Amino acid sequence: MTTVNYKPDPKKIVQLTEEQEAKLEALTDEEIDYSDIPELDDDFWENVTPVTPDLTQPVTLRVKQSVLQYFQASGKKGYQSRMNAVLESYVRTQKKLEQNQQNP
Protein backbone atom coordinates (compact mmCIF):
# COMPACT_ATOMS: atom_id res chain seq x y z
CA MET A 1 0.00 0.00 0.00
CA THR A 2 1.36 3.41 -0.94
CA THR A 3 0.97 6.37 1.36
CA VAL A 4 0.58 9.74 -0.28
CA ASN A 5 1.54 12.79 1.74
CA TYR A 6 -0.05 16.03 0.67
CA LYS A 7 0.84 19.38 2.12
CA PRO A 8 -1.26 22.26 0.86
CA ASP A 9 0.48 25.44 -0.16
CA PRO A 10 -0.06 27.81 2.80
CA LYS A 11 -0.04 30.73 0.35
CA LYS A 12 -3.02 29.28 -1.52
CA ILE A 13 -5.44 28.61 1.32
CA VAL A 14 -9.00 28.73 0.10
CA GLN A 15 -11.07 30.96 2.33
CA LEU A 16 -14.75 30.24 2.67
CA THR A 17 -17.19 33.10 2.46
CA GLU A 18 -19.36 33.82 5.48
CA GLU A 19 -22.30 32.35 3.56
CA GLN A 20 -20.39 29.10 2.86
CA GLU A 21 -19.32 28.83 6.50
CA ALA A 22 -22.92 29.34 7.65
CA LYS A 23 -24.13 26.60 5.27
CA LEU A 24 -21.53 24.17 6.62
CA GLU A 25 -22.35 24.98 10.22
CA ALA A 26 -26.04 24.39 9.55
CA LEU A 27 -25.51 20.88 8.10
CA THR A 28 -26.46 17.91 10.24
CA ASP A 29 -24.43 14.70 10.10
CA GLU A 30 -27.19 13.07 8.05
CA GLU A 31 -26.98 15.79 5.40
CA ILE A 32 -23.25 15.34 4.73
CA ASP A 33 -22.58 13.57 1.42
CA TYR A 34 -20.05 10.78 1.92
CA SER A 35 -20.72 9.14 -1.46
CA ASP A 36 -17.22 9.89 -2.79
CA ILE A 37 -15.56 8.14 0.16
CA PRO A 38 -15.31 4.35 -0.25
CA GLU A 39 -16.47 2.05 2.52
CA LEU A 40 -13.67 0.50 4.54
CA ASP A 41 -14.18 -3.23 4.10
CA ASP A 42 -12.49 -6.18 5.85
CA ASP A 43 -9.67 -6.24 3.26
CA PHE A 44 -8.73 -2.71 4.23
CA TRP A 45 -8.57 -3.53 7.94
CA GLU A 46 -6.54 -6.71 7.34
CA ASN A 47 -3.76 -4.66 5.75
CA VAL A 48 -3.72 -1.81 8.25
CA THR A 49 -0.57 -1.04 10.17
CA PRO A 50 -1.38 0.97 13.30
CA VAL A 51 0.82 4.02 13.72
CA THR A 52 1.30 5.83 16.97
CA PRO A 53 1.25 9.57 16.33
CA ASP A 54 4.38 11.53 17.11
CA LEU A 55 3.01 13.78 19.82
CA THR A 56 4.31 17.26 20.37
CA GLN A 57 5.97 18.28 23.59
CA PRO A 58 5.96 21.83 24.88
CA VAL A 59 9.48 23.24 25.20
CA THR A 60 11.10 26.58 25.82
CA LEU A 61 13.43 27.35 22.96
CA ARG A 62 15.58 30.40 22.37
CA VAL A 63 15.82 31.40 18.73
CA LYS A 64 17.24 34.46 17.06
CA GLN A 65 14.80 37.32 16.73
CA SER A 66 15.25 37.37 12.94
CA VAL A 67 14.28 33.69 12.72
CA LEU A 68 11.16 34.22 14.82
CA GLN A 69 10.18 37.28 12.79
CA TYR A 70 10.60 35.34 9.56
CA PHE A 71 8.20 32.60 10.63
CA GLN A 72 5.72 35.06 12.12
CA ALA A 73 5.76 37.19 8.95
CA SER A 74 3.60 34.64 7.12
CA GLY A 75 1.07 34.75 9.93
CA LYS A 76 1.27 34.76 13.71
CA LYS A 77 -1.10 31.80 13.78
CA GLY A 78 0.71 28.57 12.96
CA TYR A 79 4.26 29.90 13.04
CA GLN A 80 5.28 27.29 15.62
CA SER A 81 3.91 24.53 13.38
CA ARG A 82 5.90 25.92 10.46
CA MET A 83 9.06 25.99 12.58
CA ASN A 84 8.37 22.40 13.65
CA ALA A 85 7.92 21.34 10.01
CA VAL A 86 11.35 22.74 9.15
CA LEU A 87 12.92 20.91 12.08
CA GLU A 88 11.15 17.67 11.12
CA SER A 89 12.45 17.97 7.57
CA TYR A 90 15.97 18.47 8.88
CA VAL A 91 15.70 15.39 11.12
CA ARG A 92 14.38 13.22 8.25
CA THR A 93 17.26 14.35 6.03
CA GLN A 94 19.85 13.68 8.74
CA LYS A 95 18.42 10.20 9.38
CA LYS A 96 18.62 9.38 5.66
CA LEU A 97 22.22 10.58 5.52
CA GLU A 98 23.12 8.50 8.59
CA GLN A 99 21.41 5.45 7.11
CA ASN A 100 23.28 5.91 3.80
CA GLN A 101 26.60 6.15 5.66
CA GLN A 102 25.88 2.92 7.53
CA ASN A 103 24.76 1.07 4.39
CA PRO A 104 26.92 2.38 1.50
PDB file of N, CA and C in Angstrom:
ATOM      1  N   MET A   1       0.843  -1.179   0.000  1.00  0.00           N
ATOM      2  CA  MET A   1       0.000   0.000   0.000  1.00  0.00           C
ATOM      3  C   MET A   1       0.889   1.243   0.000  1.00  0.00           C
ATOM      4  N   THR A   2       0.585   2.189  -0.832  1.00  0.00           N
ATOM      5  CA  THR A   2       1.362   3.411  -0.945  1.00  0.00           C
ATOM      6  C   THR A   2       0.685   4.518  -0.150  1.00  0.00           C
ATOM      7  N   THR A   3       1.475   5.235   0.623  1.00  0.00           N
ATOM      8  CA  THR A   3       0.967   6.373   1.364  1.00  0.00           C
ATOM      9  C   THR A   3       1.319   7.638   0.596  1.00  0.00           C
ATOM     10  N   VAL A   4       0.350   8.491   0.420  1.00  0.00           N
ATOM     11  CA  VAL A   4       0.576   9.744  -0.277  1.00  0.00           C
ATOM     12  C   VAL A   4       0.485  10.861   0.741  1.00  0.00           C
ATOM     13  N   ASN A   5       1.544  11.638   0.849  1.00  0.00           N
ATOM     14  CA  ASN A   5       1.539  12.789   1.736  1.00  0.00           C
ATOM     15  C   ASN A   5       1.248  14.030   0.910  1.00  0.00           C
ATOM     16  N   TYR A   6       0.305  14.808   1.358  1.00  0.00           N
ATOM     17  CA  TYR A   6      -0.051  16.032   0.667  1.00  0.00           C
ATOM     18  C   TYR A   6       0.017  17.174   1.650  1.00  0.00           C
ATOM     19  N   LYS A   7       0.758  18.189   1.284  1.00  0.00           N
ATOM     20  CA  LYS A   7       0.841  19.376   2.116  1.00  0.00           C
ATOM     21  C   LYS A   7       0.370  20.552   1.272  1.00  0.00           C
ATOM     22  N   PRO A   8      -0.764  21.137   1.646  1.00  0.00           N
ATOM     23  CA  PRO A   8      -1.265  22.258   0.858  1.00  0.00           C
ATOM     24  C   PRO A   8      -0.329  23.459   0.941  1.00  0.00           C
ATOM     25  N   ASP A   9      -0.324  24.230  -0.113  1.00  0.00           N
ATOM     26  CA  ASP A   9       0.483  25.444  -0.157  1.00  0.00           C
ATOM     27  C   ASP A   9      -0.149  26.468   0.777  1.00  0.00           C
ATOM     28  N   PRO A  10       0.548  26.875   1.852  1.00  0.00           N
ATOM     29  CA  PRO A  10      -0.055  27.813   2.800  1.00  0.00           C
ATOM     30  C   PRO A  10      -0.366  29.169   2.177  1.00  0.00           C
ATOM     31  N   LYS A  11       0.236  29.467   1.026  1.00  0.00           N
ATOM     32  CA  LYS A  11      -0.039  30.731   0.351  1.00  0.00           C
ATOM     33  C   LYS A  11      -1.308  30.666  -0.487  1.00  0.00           C
ATOM     34  N   LYS A  12      -1.835  29.454  -0.682  1.00  0.00           N
ATOM     35  CA  LYS A  12      -3.025  29.279  -1.522  1.00  0.00           C
ATOM     36  C   LYS A  12      -4.185  28.682  -0.730  1.00  0.00           C
ATOM     37  N   ILE A  13      -4.356  29.121   0.487  1.00  0.00           N
ATOM     38  CA  ILE A  13      -5.435  28.610   1.323  1.00  0.00           C
ATOM     39  C   ILE A  13      -6.756  29.185   0.831  1.00  0.00           C
ATOM     40  N   VAL A  14      -7.695  28.307   0.570  1.00  0.00           N
ATOM     41  CA  VAL A  14      -8.999  28.734   0.104  1.00  0.00           C
ATOM     42  C   VAL A  14      -9.806  29.192   1.313  1.00  0.00           C
ATOM     43  N   GLN A  15     -10.263  30.406   1.250  1.00  0.00           N
ATOM     44  CA  GLN A  15     -11.067  30.955   2.332  1.00  0.00           C
ATOM     45  C   GLN A  15     -12.537  30.830   1.964  1.00  0.00           C
ATOM     46  N   LEU A  16     -13.322  30.321   2.894  1.00  0.00           N
ATOM     47  CA  LEU A  16     -14.755  30.237   2.672  1.00  0.00           C
ATOM     48  C   LEU A  16     -15.385  31.598   2.937  1.00  0.00           C
ATOM     49  N   THR A  17     -16.448  31.868   2.195  1.00  0.00           N
ATOM     50  CA  THR A  17     -17.192  33.096   2.462  1.00  0.00           C
ATOM     51  C   THR A  17     -18.016  32.880   3.725  1.00  0.00           C
ATOM     52  N   GLU A  18     -18.519  33.943   4.291  1.00  0.00           N
ATOM     53  CA  GLU A  18     -19.357  33.818   5.483  1.00  0.00           C
ATOM     54  C   GLU A  18     -20.592  32.973   5.178  1.00  0.00           C
ATOM     55  N   GLU A  19     -21.119  33.121   3.967  1.00  0.00           N
ATOM     56  CA  GLU A  19     -22.297  32.351   3.564  1.00  0.00           C
ATOM     57  C   GLU A  19     -21.967  30.851   3.507  1.00  0.00           C
ATOM     58  N   GLN A  20     -20.804  30.508   2.930  1.00  0.00           N
ATOM     59  CA  GLN A  20     -20.393  29.103   2.856  1.00  0.00           C
ATOM     60  C   GLN A  20     -20.173  28.528   4.253  1.00  0.00           C
ATOM     61  N   GLU A  21     -19.538  29.290   5.129  1.00  0.00           N
ATOM     62  CA  GLU A  21     -19.323  28.825   6.499  1.00  0.00           C
ATOM     63  C   GLU A  21     -20.646  28.591   7.207  1.00  0.00           C
ATOM     64  N   ALA A  22     -21.601  29.482   7.017  1.00  0.00           N
ATOM     65  CA  ALA A  22     -22.915  29.339   7.646  1.00  0.00           C
ATOM     66  C   ALA A  22     -23.628  28.081   7.151  1.00  0.00           C
ATOM     67  N   LYS A  23     -23.512  27.815   5.831  1.00  0.00           N
ATOM     68  CA  LYS A  23     -24.130  26.599   5.274  1.00  0.00           C
ATOM     69  C   LYS A  23     -23.516  25.343   5.893  1.00  0.00           C
ATOM     70  N   LEU A  24     -22.190  25.326   6.024  1.00  0.00           N
ATOM     71  CA  LEU A  24     -21.526  24.166   6.620  1.00  0.00           C
ATOM     72  C   LEU A  24     -21.926  23.976   8.075  1.00  0.00           C
ATOM     73  N   GLU A  25     -21.977  25.056   8.804  1.00  0.00           N
ATOM     74  CA  GLU A  25     -22.349  24.980  10.222  1.00  0.00           C
ATOM     75  C   GLU A  25     -23.765  24.451  10.394  1.00  0.00           C
ATOM     76  N   ALA A  26     -24.638  24.779   9.445  1.00  0.00           N
ATOM     77  CA  ALA A  26     -26.043  24.387   9.549  1.00  0.00           C
ATOM     78  C   ALA A  26     -26.286  22.920   9.189  1.00  0.00           C
ATOM     79  N   LEU A  27     -25.326  22.276   8.517  1.00  0.00           N
ATOM     80  CA  LEU A  27     -25.507  20.879   8.102  1.00  0.00           C
ATOM     81  C   LEU A  27     -25.550  19.940   9.301  1.00  0.00           C
ATOM     82  N   THR A  28     -26.457  18.986   9.243  1.00  0.00           N
ATOM     83  CA  THR A  28     -26.464  17.913  10.236  1.00  0.00           C
ATOM     84  C   THR A  28     -25.605  16.780   9.703  1.00  0.00           C
ATOM     85  N   ASP A  29     -25.236  15.835  10.546  1.00  0.00           N
ATOM     86  CA  ASP A  29     -24.427  14.702  10.101  1.00  0.00           C
ATOM     87  C   ASP A  29     -25.114  13.934   8.978  1.00  0.00           C
ATOM     88  N   GLU A  30     -26.437  13.822   9.046  1.00  0.00           N
ATOM     89  CA  GLU A  30     -27.187  13.065   8.048  1.00  0.00           C
ATOM     90  C   GLU A  30     -27.163  13.743   6.686  1.00  0.00           C
ATOM     91  N   GLU A  31     -26.963  15.043   6.658  1.00  0.00           N
ATOM     92  CA  GLU A  31     -26.978  15.787   5.405  1.00  0.00           C
ATOM     93  C   GLU A  31     -25.619  15.801   4.692  1.00  0.00           C
ATOM     94  N   ILE A  32     -24.577  15.338   5.340  1.00  0.00           N
ATOM     95  CA  ILE A  32     -23.252  15.344   4.731  1.00  0.00           C
ATOM     96  C   ILE A  32     -23.152  14.213   3.716  1.00  0.00           C
ATOM     97  N   ASP A  33     -22.685  14.541   2.505  1.00  0.00           N
ATOM     98  CA  ASP A  33     -22.583  13.569   1.422  1.00  0.00           C
ATOM     99  C   ASP A  33     -21.230  12.865   1.497  1.00  0.00           C
ATOM    100  N   TYR A  34     -21.268  11.587   1.838  1.00  0.00           N
ATOM    101  CA  TYR A  34     -20.050  10.785   1.922  1.00  0.00           C
ATOM    102  C   TYR A  34     -19.906   9.860   0.720  1.00  0.00           C
ATOM    103  N   SER A  35     -20.673  10.077  -0.335  1.00  0.00           N
ATOM    104  CA  SER A  35     -20.720   9.140  -1.458  1.00  0.00           C
ATOM    105  C   SER A  35     -19.383   8.997  -2.188  1.00  0.00           C
ATOM    106  N   ASP A  36     -18.501   9.996  -2.094  1.00  0.00           N
ATOM    107  CA  ASP A  36     -17.223   9.892  -2.791  1.00  0.00           C
ATOM    108  C   ASP A  36     -16.138   9.248  -1.937  1.00  0.00           C
ATOM    109  N   ILE A  37     -16.508   8.802  -0.736  1.00  0.00           N
ATOM    110  CA  ILE A  37     -15.555   8.137   0.160  1.00  0.00           C
ATOM    111  C   ILE A  37     -15.900   6.655   0.190  1.00  0.00           C
ATOM    112  N   PRO A  38     -14.984   5.784  -0.225  1.00  0.00           N
ATOM    113  CA  PRO A  38     -15.312   4.349  -0.252  1.00  0.00           C
ATOM    114  C   PRO A  38     -15.471   3.779   1.159  1.00  0.00           C
ATOM    115  N   GLU A  39     -16.304   2.767   1.250  1.00  0.00           N
ATOM    116  CA  GLU A  39     -16.468   2.054   2.516  1.00  0.00           C
ATOM    117  C   GLU A  39     -15.172   1.327   2.847  1.00  0.00           C
ATOM    118  N   LEU A  40     -14.851   1.233   4.108  1.00  0.00           N
ATOM    119  CA  LEU A  40     -13.670   0.497   4.543  1.00  0.00           C
ATOM    120  C   LEU A  40     -14.103  -0.938   4.856  1.00  0.00           C
ATOM    121  N   ASP A  41     -13.770  -1.845   3.932  1.00  0.00           N
ATOM    122  CA  ASP A  41     -14.179  -3.233   4.096  1.00  0.00           C
ATOM    123  C   ASP A  41     -13.142  -4.023   4.897  1.00  0.00           C
ATOM    124  N   ASP A  42     -13.394  -5.319   5.072  1.00  0.00           N
ATOM    125  CA  ASP A  42     -12.493  -6.175   5.853  1.00  0.00           C
ATOM    126  C   ASP A  42     -11.089  -6.239   5.250  1.00  0.00           C
ATOM    127  N   ASP A  43     -10.994  -6.211   3.902  1.00  0.00           N
ATOM    128  CA  ASP A  43      -9.671  -6.237   3.260  1.00  0.00           C
ATOM    129  C   ASP A  43      -8.825  -5.041   3.691  1.00  0.00           C
ATOM    130  N   PHE A  44      -9.458  -3.903   3.791  1.00  0.00           N
ATOM    131  CA  PHE A  44      -8.726  -2.712   4.225  1.00  0.00           C
ATOM    132  C   PHE A  44      -8.156  -2.934   5.619  1.00  0.00           C
ATOM    133  N   TRP A  45      -8.984  -3.391   6.546  1.00  0.00           N
ATOM    134  CA  TRP A  45      -8.566  -3.527   7.943  1.00  0.00           C
ATOM    135  C   TRP A  45      -7.554  -4.649   8.135  1.00  0.00           C
ATOM    136  N   GLU A  46      -7.530  -5.643   7.247  1.00  0.00           N
ATOM    137  CA  GLU A  46      -6.539  -6.713   7.343  1.00  0.00           C
ATOM    138  C   GLU A  46      -5.134  -6.213   7.010  1.00  0.00           C
ATOM    139  N   ASN A  47      -5.058  -5.172   6.199  1.00  0.00           N
ATOM    140  CA  ASN A  47      -3.759  -4.658   5.753  1.00  0.00           C
ATOM    141  C   ASN A  47      -3.333  -3.381   6.479  1.00  0.00           C
ATOM    142  N   VAL A  48      -4.027  -3.036   7.522  1.00  0.00           N
ATOM    143  CA  VAL A  48      -3.724  -1.806   8.255  1.00  0.00           C
ATOM    144  C   VAL A  48      -2.532  -2.027   9.183  1.00  0.00           C
ATOM    145  N   THR A  49      -1.673  -1.042   9.216  1.00  0.00           N
ATOM    146  CA  THR A  49      -0.574  -1.039  10.175  1.00  0.00           C
ATOM    147  C   THR A  49      -0.797   0.138  11.113  1.00  0.00           C
ATOM    148  N   PRO A  50      -1.143  -0.136  12.368  1.00  0.00           N
ATOM    149  CA  PRO A  50      -1.383   0.972  13.298  1.00  0.00           C
ATOM    150  C   PRO A  50      -0.113   1.808  13.484  1.00  0.00           C
ATOM    151  N   VAL A  51      -0.293   3.095  13.541  1.00  0.00           N
ATOM    152  CA  VAL A  51       0.819   4.018  13.718  1.00  0.00           C
ATOM    153  C   VAL A  51       0.523   4.905  14.913  1.00  0.00           C
ATOM    154  N   THR A  52       1.459   4.952  15.826  1.00  0.00           N
ATOM    155  CA  THR A  52       1.302   5.835  16.973  1.00  0.00           C
ATOM    156  C   THR A  52       1.741   7.234  16.556  1.00  0.00           C
ATOM    157  N   PRO A  53       0.871   8.222  16.758  1.00  0.00           N
ATOM    158  CA  PRO A  53       1.251   9.570  16.334  1.00  0.00           C
ATOM    159  C   PRO A  53       2.434  10.093  17.129  1.00  0.00           C
ATOM    160  N   ASP A  54       3.232  10.888  16.468  1.00  0.00           N
ATOM    161  CA  ASP A  54       4.376  11.526  17.109  1.00  0.00           C
ATOM    162  C   ASP A  54       3.853  12.778  17.797  1.00  0.00           C
ATOM    163  N   LEU A  55       3.611  12.671  19.086  1.00  0.00           N
ATOM    164  CA  LEU A  55       3.007  13.777  19.823  1.00  0.00           C
ATOM    165  C   LEU A  55       3.996  14.921  20.006  1.00  0.00           C
ATOM    166  N   THR A  56       3.451  16.104  20.123  1.00  0.00           N
ATOM    167  CA  THR A  56       4.312  17.257  20.366  1.00  0.00           C
ATOM    168  C   THR A  56       4.536  17.407  21.861  1.00  0.00           C
ATOM    169  N   GLN A  57       5.625  18.044  22.191  1.00  0.00           N
ATOM    170  CA  GLN A  57       5.971  18.277  23.585  1.00  0.00           C
ATOM    171  C   GLN A  57       6.304  19.750  23.745  1.00  0.00           C
ATOM    172  N   PRO A  58       5.650  20.421  24.686  1.00  0.00           N
ATOM    173  CA  PRO A  58       5.964  21.832  24.884  1.00  0.00           C
ATOM    174  C   PRO A  58       7.402  22.004  25.385  1.00  0.00           C
ATOM    175  N   VAL A  59       8.112  22.941  24.787  1.00  0.00           N
ATOM    176  CA  VAL A  59       9.479  23.243  25.204  1.00  0.00           C
ATOM    177  C   VAL A  59       9.673  24.761  25.188  1.00  0.00           C
ATOM    178  N   THR A  60      10.670  25.194  25.906  1.00  0.00           N
ATOM    179  CA  THR A  60      11.099  26.578  25.819  1.00  0.00           C
ATOM    180  C   THR A  60      12.358  26.577  24.974  1.00  0.00           C
ATOM    181  N   LEU A  61      12.338  27.371  23.926  1.00  0.00           N
ATOM    182  CA  LEU A  61      13.429  27.353  22.962  1.00  0.00           C
ATOM    183  C   LEU A  61      13.824  28.787  22.640  1.00  0.00           C
ATOM    184  N   ARG A  62      15.088  29.062  22.721  1.00  0.00           N
ATOM    185  CA  ARG A  62      15.576  30.397  22.368  1.00  0.00           C
ATOM    186  C   ARG A  62      16.022  30.380  20.915  1.00  0.00           C
ATOM    187  N   VAL A  63      15.434  31.271  20.129  1.00  0.00           N
ATOM    188  CA  VAL A  63      15.818  31.403  18.727  1.00  0.00           C
ATOM    189  C   VAL A  63      16.140  32.868  18.456  1.00  0.00           C
ATOM    190  N   LYS A  64      16.908  33.084  17.423  1.00  0.00           N
ATOM    191  CA  LYS A  64      17.245  34.455  17.061  1.00  0.00           C
ATOM    192  C   LYS A  64      15.975  35.208  16.678  1.00  0.00           C
ATOM    193  N   GLN A  65      15.970  36.484  17.003  1.00  0.00           N
ATOM    194  CA  GLN A  65      14.803  37.318  16.731  1.00  0.00           C
ATOM    195  C   GLN A  65      14.471  37.322  15.246  1.00  0.00           C
ATOM    196  N   SER A  66      15.485  37.345  14.389  1.00  0.00           N
ATOM    197  CA  SER A  66      15.253  37.371  12.942  1.00  0.00           C
ATOM    198  C   SER A  66      14.562  36.089  12.464  1.00  0.00           C
ATOM    199  N   VAL A  67      14.912  34.964  13.085  1.00  0.00           N
ATOM    200  CA  VAL A  67      14.283  33.686  12.725  1.00  0.00           C
ATOM    201  C   VAL A  67      12.807  33.716  13.122  1.00  0.00           C
ATOM    202  N   LEU A  68      12.536  34.143  14.335  1.00  0.00           N
ATOM    203  CA  LEU A  68      11.156  34.223  14.819  1.00  0.00           C
ATOM    204  C   LEU A  68      10.340  35.169  13.940  1.00  0.00           C
ATOM    205  N   GLN A  69      10.889  36.310  13.623  1.00  0.00           N
ATOM    206  CA  GLN A  69      10.178  37.282  12.791  1.00  0.00           C
ATOM    207  C   GLN A  69       9.882  36.716  11.410  1.00  0.00           C
ATOM    208  N   TYR A  70      10.816  35.941  10.875  1.00  0.00           N
ATOM    209  CA  TYR A  70      10.596  35.342   9.562  1.00  0.00           C
ATOM    210  C   TYR A  70       9.375  34.416   9.579  1.00  0.00           C
ATOM    211  N   PHE A  71       9.317  33.547  10.570  1.00  0.00           N
ATOM    212  CA  PHE A  71       8.200  32.596  10.633  1.00  0.00           C
ATOM    213  C   PHE A  71       6.887  33.292  10.964  1.00  0.00           C
ATOM    214  N   GLN A  72       6.938  34.336  11.766  1.00  0.00           N
ATOM    215  CA  GLN A  72       5.721  35.057  12.120  1.00  0.00           C
ATOM    216  C   GLN A  72       5.242  35.953  10.983  1.00  0.00           C
ATOM    217  N   ALA A  73       6.132  36.294  10.055  1.00  0.00           N
ATOM    218  CA  ALA A  73       5.763  37.185   8.953  1.00  0.00           C
ATOM    219  C   ALA A  73       4.676  36.591   8.065  1.00  0.00           C
ATOM    220  N   SER A  74       4.635  35.274   7.960  1.00  0.00           N
ATOM    221  CA  SER A  74       3.605  34.644   7.124  1.00  0.00           C
ATOM    222  C   SER A  74       2.345  34.344   7.919  1.00  0.00           C
ATOM    223  N   GLY A  75       2.265  34.890   9.108  1.00  0.00           N
ATOM    224  CA  GLY A  75       1.065  34.745   9.932  1.00  0.00           C
ATOM    225  C   GLY A  75       1.425  34.316  11.338  1.00  0.00           C
ATOM    226  N   LYS A  76       0.960  35.095  12.309  1.00  0.00           N
ATOM    227  CA  LYS A  76       1.265  34.760  13.706  1.00  0.00           C
ATOM    228  C   LYS A  76       0.686  33.391  14.055  1.00  0.00           C
ATOM    229  N   LYS A  77      -0.489  33.090  13.494  1.00  0.00           N
ATOM    230  CA  LYS A  77      -1.104  31.796  13.781  1.00  0.00           C
ATOM    231  C   LYS A  77      -0.391  30.713  12.972  1.00  0.00           C
ATOM    232  N   GLY A  78       0.088  29.697  13.636  1.00  0.00           N
ATOM    233  CA  GLY A  78       0.710  28.568  12.958  1.00  0.00           C
ATOM    234  C   GLY A  78       2.215  28.684  12.772  1.00  0.00           C
ATOM    235  N   TYR A  79       2.818  29.742  13.262  1.00  0.00           N
ATOM    236  CA  TYR A  79       4.261  29.901  13.037  1.00  0.00           C
ATOM    237  C   TYR A  79       5.050  28.809  13.750  1.00  0.00           C
ATOM    238  N   GLN A  80       4.570  28.359  14.909  1.00  0.00           N
ATOM    239  CA  GLN A  80       5.283  27.288  15.618  1.00  0.00           C
ATOM    240  C   GLN A  80       5.189  25.983  14.841  1.00  0.00           C
ATOM    241  N   SER A  81       4.057  25.733  14.216  1.00  0.00           N
ATOM    242  CA  SER A  81       3.907  24.532  13.385  1.00  0.00           C
ATOM    243  C   SER A  81       4.839  24.590  12.183  1.00  0.00           C
ATOM    244  N   ARG A  82       4.986  25.776  11.600  1.00  0.00           N
ATOM    245  CA  ARG A  82       5.903  25.922  10.461  1.00  0.00           C
ATOM    246  C   ARG A  82       7.351  25.690  10.897  1.00  0.00           C
ATOM    247  N   MET A  83       7.702  26.215  12.066  1.00  0.00           N
ATOM    248  CA  MET A  83       9.057  25.989  12.576  1.00  0.00           C
ATOM    249  C   MET A  83       9.276  24.499  12.828  1.00  0.00           C
ATOM    250  N   ASN A  84       8.272  23.830  13.381  1.00  0.00           N
ATOM    251  CA  ASN A  84       8.372  22.400  13.650  1.00  0.00           C
ATOM    252  C   ASN A  84       8.525  21.615  12.350  1.00  0.00           C
ATOM    253  N   ALA A  85       7.821  22.034  11.302  1.00  0.00           N
ATOM    254  CA  ALA A  85       7.918  21.344  10.012  1.00  0.00           C
ATOM    255  C   ALA A  85       9.335  21.434   9.454  1.00  0.00           C
ATOM    256  N   VAL A  86       9.969  22.582   9.611  1.00  0.00           N
ATOM    257  CA  VAL A  86      11.351  22.745   9.149  1.00  0.00           C
ATOM    258  C   VAL A  86      12.275  21.827   9.941  1.00  0.00           C
ATOM    259  N   LEU A  87      12.093  21.784  11.247  1.00  0.00           N
ATOM    260  CA  LEU A  87      12.923  20.906  12.081  1.00  0.00           C
ATOM    261  C   LEU A  87      12.700  19.435  11.737  1.00  0.00           C
ATOM    262  N   GLU A  88      11.442  19.058  11.500  1.00  0.00           N
ATOM    263  CA  GLU A  88      11.150  17.670  11.116  1.00  0.00           C
ATOM    264  C   GLU A  88      11.841  17.305   9.808  1.00  0.00           C
ATOM    265  N   SER A  89      11.802  18.208   8.852  1.00  0.00           N
ATOM    266  CA  SER A  89      12.446  17.969   7.570  1.00  0.00           C
ATOM    267  C   SER A  89      13.956  17.781   7.753  1.00  0.00           C
ATOM    268  N   TYR A  90      14.540  18.581   8.592  1.00  0.00           N
ATOM    269  CA  TYR A  90      15.973  18.470   8.877  1.00  0.00           C
ATOM    270  C   TYR A  90      16.280  17.098   9.490  1.00  0.00           C
ATOM    271  N   VAL A  91      15.471  16.681  10.459  1.00  0.00           N
ATOM    272  CA  VAL A  91      15.699  15.391  11.123  1.00  0.00           C
ATOM    273  C   VAL A  91      15.574  14.245  10.126  1.00  0.00           C
ATOM    274  N   ARG A  92      14.548  14.281   9.263  1.00  0.00           N
ATOM    275  CA  ARG A  92      14.384  13.222   8.251  1.00  0.00           C
ATOM    276  C   ARG A  92      15.608  13.151   7.343  1.00  0.00           C
ATOM    277  N   THR A  93      16.091  14.305   6.911  1.00  0.00           N
ATOM    278  CA  THR A  93      17.260  14.351   6.035  1.00  0.00           C
ATOM    279  C   THR A  93      18.488  13.784   6.734  1.00  0.00           C
ATOM    280  N   GLN A  94      18.692  14.175   7.985  1.00  0.00           N
ATOM    281  CA  GLN A  94      19.850  13.676   8.737  1.00  0.00           C
ATOM    282  C   GLN A  94      19.770  12.166   8.928  1.00  0.00           C
ATOM    283  N   LYS A  95      18.580  11.657   9.205  1.00  0.00           N
ATOM    284  CA  LYS A  95      18.422  10.203   9.380  1.00  0.00           C
ATOM    285  C   LYS A  95      18.744   9.464   8.095  1.00  0.00           C
ATOM    286  N   LYS A  96      18.306  10.009   6.955  1.00  0.00           N
ATOM    287  CA  LYS A  96      18.620   9.377   5.665  1.00  0.00           C
ATOM    288  C   LYS A  96      20.124   9.376   5.413  1.00  0.00           C
ATOM    289  N   LEU A  97      20.771  10.499   5.707  1.00  0.00           N
ATOM    290  CA  LEU A  97      22.224  10.578   5.523  1.00  0.00           C
ATOM    291  C   LEU A  97      22.941   9.567   6.413  1.00  0.00           C
ATOM    292  N   GLU A  98      22.507   9.463   7.657  1.00  0.00           N
ATOM    293  CA  GLU A  98      23.119   8.496   8.586  1.00  0.00           C
ATOM    294  C   GLU A  98      22.913   7.068   8.087  1.00  0.00           C
ATOM    295  N   GLN A  99      21.722   6.793   7.603  1.00  0.00           N
ATOM    296  CA  GLN A  99      21.414   5.451   7.106  1.00  0.00           C
ATOM    297  C   GLN A  99      22.260   5.126   5.871  1.00  0.00           C
ATOM    298  N   ASN A 100      22.448   6.111   5.010  1.00  0.00           N
ATOM    299  CA  ASN A 100      23.275   5.905   3.801  1.00  0.00           C
ATOM    300  C   ASN A 100      24.737   5.679   4.167  1.00  0.00           C
ATOM    301  N   GLN A 101      25.206   6.336   5.221  1.00  0.00           N
ATOM    302  CA  GLN A 101      26.598   6.146   5.656  1.00  0.00           C
ATOM    303  C   GLN A 101      26.798   4.760   6.257  1.00  0.00           C
ATOM    304  N   GLN A 102      25.777   4.237   6.920  1.00  0.00           N
ATOM    305  CA  GLN A 102      25.881   2.916   7.534  1.00  0.00           C
ATOM    306  C   GLN A 102      25.740   1.800   6.497  1.00  0.00           C
ATOM    307  N   ASN A 103      24.995   2.073   5.432  1.00  0.00           N
ATOM    308  CA  ASN A 103      24.755   1.065   4.389  1.00  0.00           C
ATOM    309  C   ASN A 103      25.179   1.625   3.026  1.00  0.00           C
ATOM    310  N   PRO A 104      26.457   1.761   2.775  1.00  0.00           N
ATOM    311  CA  PRO A 104      26.918   2.375   1.496  1.00  0.00           C
ATOM    312  C   PRO A 104      26.600   1.525   0.283  1.00  0.00           C
TER     313      PRO A 104
END
